[in-house]
Amino acid sequence: TFSFYVMGDAPYNKNQQEIVHDQIVELSAGVTNDDMFLIHVGDALNSNSGCPSSDYAFMRNLLVNKLPRLPSLIIPGDNDW
């Protein structure tokens, strides 16, 4: 058996970035060898934000630095253009 994690539609603002950060840190503490990957199913950005590179960098840094043992994939959603 194996498991994987799915997330999406967040974070849309600074408050949600803090919440997602805390959730990823908590998740990281429980990652096991049976966990295969994390997939973000899109809409990592607010469509009204203009998709600044800093928001993409936040997600990348969060997933790479806080979940170093768990491969992560982000599928762009309609807000991520």
Protein backbone atom coordinates (compact mmCIF):
# COMPACT_ATOMS: atom_id res chain seq x y z
CA THR A 1 0.00 0.00 0.00
CA PHE A 2 0.95 3.61 -0.35
CA SER A 3 -0.55 7.00 0.33
CA PHE A 4 -0.41 10.45 -1.20
CA TYR A 5 -1.63 13.92 -0.33
CA VAL A 6 -3.88 16.24 -2.33
CA MET A 7 -4.40 19.95 -1.85
CA GLY A 8 -5.78 22.79 -3.93
CA ASP A 9 -7.50 26.15 -4.09
CA ALA A 10 -5.08 27.76 -1.67
CA PRO A 11 -3.37 29.95 -0.66
CA TYR A 12 -5.15 32.99 -2.07
CA ASN A 13 -3.81 35.63 0.32
CA LYS A 14 -1.20 36.22 3.04
CA ASN A 15 -3.47 34.87 5.78
CA GLN A 16 -4.00 31.64 3.84
CA GLN A 17 -0.26 31.44 3.14
CA GLU A 18 0.33 31.32 6.89
CA ILE A 19 -2.33 28.62 7.33
CA VAL A 20 -0.97 26.51 4.46
CA HIS A 21 2.57 26.95 5.80
CA ASP A 22 1.50 25.64 9.21
CA GLN A 23 -0.40 22.74 7.62
CA ILE A 24 2.62 21.74 5.51
CA VAL A 25 4.94 21.92 8.53
CA GLU A 26 2.52 19.67 10.45
CA LEU A 27 2.25 17.30 7.49
CA SER A 28 6.03 17.13 7.16
CA ALA A 29 6.37 15.78 10.68
CA GLY A 30 4.22 12.79 9.75
CA VAL A 31 5.63 11.87 6.33
CA THR A 32 6.58 8.19 6.14
CA ASN A 33 8.21 5.96 3.54
CA ASP A 34 4.73 4.85 2.47
CA ASP A 35 3.85 8.39 1.36
CA MET A 36 4.55 8.66 -2.36
CA PHE A 37 3.85 12.29 -3.30
CA LEU A 38 1.84 15.46 -2.80
CA ILE A 39 -0.20 16.92 -5.64
CA HIS A 40 -1.63 20.44 -5.71
CA VAL A 41 -4.63 20.30 -8.04
CA GLY A 42 -4.49 23.95 -9.03
CA ASP A 43 -5.54 27.44 -8.12
CA ALA A 44 -2.54 28.12 -5.93
CA LEU A 45 -3.05 31.83 -6.65
CA ASN A 46 -5.90 34.28 -6.44
CA SER A 47 -7.08 35.08 -9.98
CA ASN A 48 -7.17 38.79 -9.05
CA SER A 49 -3.52 38.83 -7.96
CA GLY A 50 -2.03 38.95 -11.44
CA CYS A 51 0.04 35.82 -10.71
CA PRO A 52 3.15 37.49 -9.25
CA SER A 53 6.29 35.38 -9.28
CA SER A 54 6.57 35.85 -5.51
CA ASP A 55 3.42 33.75 -5.02
CA TYR A 56 4.84 30.97 -7.17
CA ALA A 57 8.12 31.22 -5.24
CA PHE A 58 6.23 30.92 -1.94
CA MET A 59 4.63 27.63 -3.01
CA ARG A 60 7.85 26.25 -4.47
CA ASN A 61 9.90 27.12 -1.40
CA LEU A 62 7.26 25.78 0.93
CA LEU A 63 7.02 22.42 -0.82
CA VAL A 64 10.75 22.02 -1.46
CA ASN A 65 11.99 23.23 1.92
CA LYS A 66 9.28 21.90 4.24
CA LEU A 67 8.66 18.58 2.46
CA PRO A 68 12.14 17.59 1.25
CA ARG A 69 11.39 13.84 1.32
CA LEU A 70 8.05 14.07 -0.50
CA PRO A 71 7.95 14.74 -4.26
CA SER A 72 5.43 17.48 -5.01
CA LEU A 73 3.56 18.30 -8.21
CA ILE A 74 1.50 21.37 -8.98
CA ILE A 75 -1.08 21.20 -11.76
CA PRO A 76 -1.98 24.72 -12.88
CA GLY A 77 -5.61 25.70 -12.43
CA ASP A 78 -7.57 28.46 -14.11
CA ASN A 79 -6.32 31.02 -11.54
CA ASP A 80 -2.66 30.20 -12.15
CA TRP A 81 -2.20 31.92 -15.51
